[in-house]
């Protein structure tokens, strides 16, 4: 009985690792073709046109469009989302979350943590 459970757990683990590797390789192919695939339906083309810089450095973090980040603001509020890029005025980051796209002012950020980089393993 335990042997069957271990076999099933092993098969599930191998399947999940194969899926993860497939998704990261797909993201790498998109990056090679200068494309970023974002699976959100709440982004308008006008909001994408606001983005001027898609690859930038903020403090000691190098960010690019597609990276998932966690931000703690000076007002003790936390926000999770996917980076779209810097806005044209270069003072706000466009961050896409579950509620939609938000303009996040750079000077309001207290702490920034990169949850996952787009197209990178681990």
Protein backbone atom coordinates (compact mmCIF):
# COMPACT_ATOMS: atom_id res chain seq x y z
CA UNK A 1 0.00 0.00 0.00
CA UNK A 2 2.75 2.43 0.97
CA UNK A 3 4.66 1.43 -2.15
CA UNK A 4 1.73 2.48 -4.37
CA UNK A 5 1.38 5.82 -2.57
CA UNK A 6 5.09 6.50 -3.05
CA UNK A 7 4.86 5.63 -6.74
CA UNK A 8 1.87 7.93 -7.22
CA UNK A 9 3.61 10.73 -5.31
CA UNK A 10 6.70 10.26 -7.48
CA UNK A 11 4.67 10.39 -10.67
CA UNK A 12 2.87 13.55 -9.53
CA UNK A 13 6.20 15.17 -8.58
CA UNK A 14 7.77 14.30 -11.94
CA UNK A 15 4.67 15.64 -13.73
CA UNK A 16 4.74 18.92 -11.84
CA UNK A 17 8.48 19.42 -12.47
CA UNK A 18 7.97 18.68 -16.17
CA UNK A 19 5.18 21.25 -16.32
CA UNK A 20 7.32 23.85 -14.54
CA UNK A 21 10.23 23.29 -16.92
CA UNK A 22 7.85 23.53 -19.91
CA UNK A 23 6.44 26.87 -18.72
CA UNK A 24 9.87 28.39 -18.04
CA UNK A 25 11.17 27.27 -21.44
CA UNK A 26 8.08 28.77 -23.08
CA UNK A 27 8.77 32.07 -21.27
CA UNK A 28 12.40 31.96 -22.46
CA UNK A 29 11.22 31.53 -26.04
CA UNK A 30 8.90 34.52 -25.62
CA UNK A 31 11.78 36.59 -24.22
CA UNK A 32 14.00 35.59 -27.12
CA UNK A 33 11.33 36.95 -29.48
CA UNK A 34 10.93 40.13 -27.35
CA UNK A 35 7.46 39.11 -26.19
CA UNK A 36 6.00 38.85 -22.72
CA UNK A 37 2.86 36.80 -22.19
CA UNK A 38 0.62 38.03 -19.37
CA UNK A 39 -2.50 36.00 -18.67
CA UNK A 40 -4.74 38.79 -17.42
CA UNK A 41 -7.88 40.08 -19.05
CA UNK A 42 -8.08 43.34 -17.08
CA UNK A 43 -5.33 45.20 -18.98
CA UNK A 44 -6.28 47.78 -21.58
CA UNK A 45 -4.07 48.69 -24.57
CA UNK A 46 -4.03 52.30 -23.29
CA UNK A 47 -2.39 51.13 -20.08
CA UNK A 48 0.25 49.23 -22.03
CA UNK A 49 0.97 52.37 -24.07
CA UNK A 50 1.77 54.22 -20.80
CA UNK A 51 4.78 51.95 -20.28
CA UNK A 52 8.00 53.52 -21.47
CA UNK A 53 10.70 51.33 -19.91
CA UNK A 54 10.23 47.57 -19.58
CA UNK A 55 13.63 46.68 -18.11
CA UNK A 56 14.97 48.83 -15.28
CA UNK A 57 16.81 48.83 -11.97
CA UNK A 58 15.10 49.92 -8.76
CA UNK A 59 17.51 50.11 -5.84
CA UNK A 60 19.54 46.93 -5.99
CA UNK A 61 16.75 44.97 -7.73
CA UNK A 62 16.80 44.54 -11.48
CA UNK A 63 13.20 44.34 -12.68
CA UNK A 64 11.60 43.71 -16.02
CA UNK A 65 8.08 43.33 -17.32
CA UNK A 66 6.57 40.03 -16.24
CA UNK A 67 8.35 39.78 -12.88
CA UNK A 68 6.11 39.06 -9.90
CA UNK A 69 6.88 41.27 -6.90
CA UNK A 70 5.67 41.96 -3.38
CA UNK A 71 5.80 45.58 -2.27
CA UNK A 72 5.45 47.01 1.21
CA UNK A 73 4.49 50.67 1.13
CA UNK A 74 5.38 53.33 3.70
CA UNK A 75 1.72 53.33 4.71
CA UNK A 76 2.15 49.69 5.94
CA UNK A 77 0.10 48.37 3.03
CA UNK A 78 1.31 45.34 1.05
CA UNK A 79 0.70 44.83 -2.64
CA UNK A 80 1.41 41.78 -4.82
CA UNK A 81 1.44 41.96 -8.58
CA UNK A 82 3.18 41.62 -11.91
CA UNK A 83 5.39 44.43 -13.20
CA UNK A 84 4.38 45.99 -16.52
CA UNK A 85 7.16 48.60 -16.52
CA UNK A 86 7.90 52.23 -15.71
CA UNK A 87 5.40 54.86 -16.78
CA UNK A 88 6.33 57.69 -19.13
CA UNK A 89 6.91 60.12 -16.26
CA UNK A 90 9.46 57.62 -14.77
CA UNK A 91 8.13 58.16 -11.26
CA UNK A 92 5.56 55.37 -11.18
CA UNK A 93 5.65 51.63 -11.72
CA UNK A 94 2.70 50.02 -13.46
CA UNK A 95 1.79 46.97 -11.40
CA UNK A 96 -0.87 44.51 -12.47
CA UNK A 97 -2.70 42.74 -9.67
CA UNK A 98 -5.97 40.95 -9.16
CA UNK A 99 -7.88 44.26 -8.91
CA UNK A 100 -6.41 45.65 -12.11
CA UNK A 101 -3.49 47.87 -13.09
CA UNK A 102 -2.17 50.26 -10.44
CA UNK A 103 0.28 53.14 -10.75
CA UNK A 104 2.65 52.70 -7.82
CA UNK A 105 4.78 55.72 -6.94
CA UNK A 106 8.44 54.87 -6.44
CA UNK A 107 8.95 57.14 -3.43
CA UNK A 108 6.10 55.37 -1.59
CA UNK A 109 7.92 52.01 -1.62
CA UNK A 110 9.49 50.96 1.66
CA UNK A 111 10.43 47.36 0.86
CA UNK A 112 10.49 45.38 -2.38
CA UNK A 113 10.80 41.62 -2.81
CA UNK A 114 10.95 39.78 -6.13
CA UNK A 115 8.74 36.68 -5.88
CA UNK A 116 9.65 35.26 -9.31
CA UNK A 117 11.57 36.45 -12.33
CA UNK A 118 10.00 36.01 -15.75
CA UNK A 119 11.75 33.26 -17.72
CA UNK A 120 14.13 32.18 -14.92
CA UNK A 121 14.48 28.84 -13.19
CA UNK A 122 14.04 29.09 -9.42
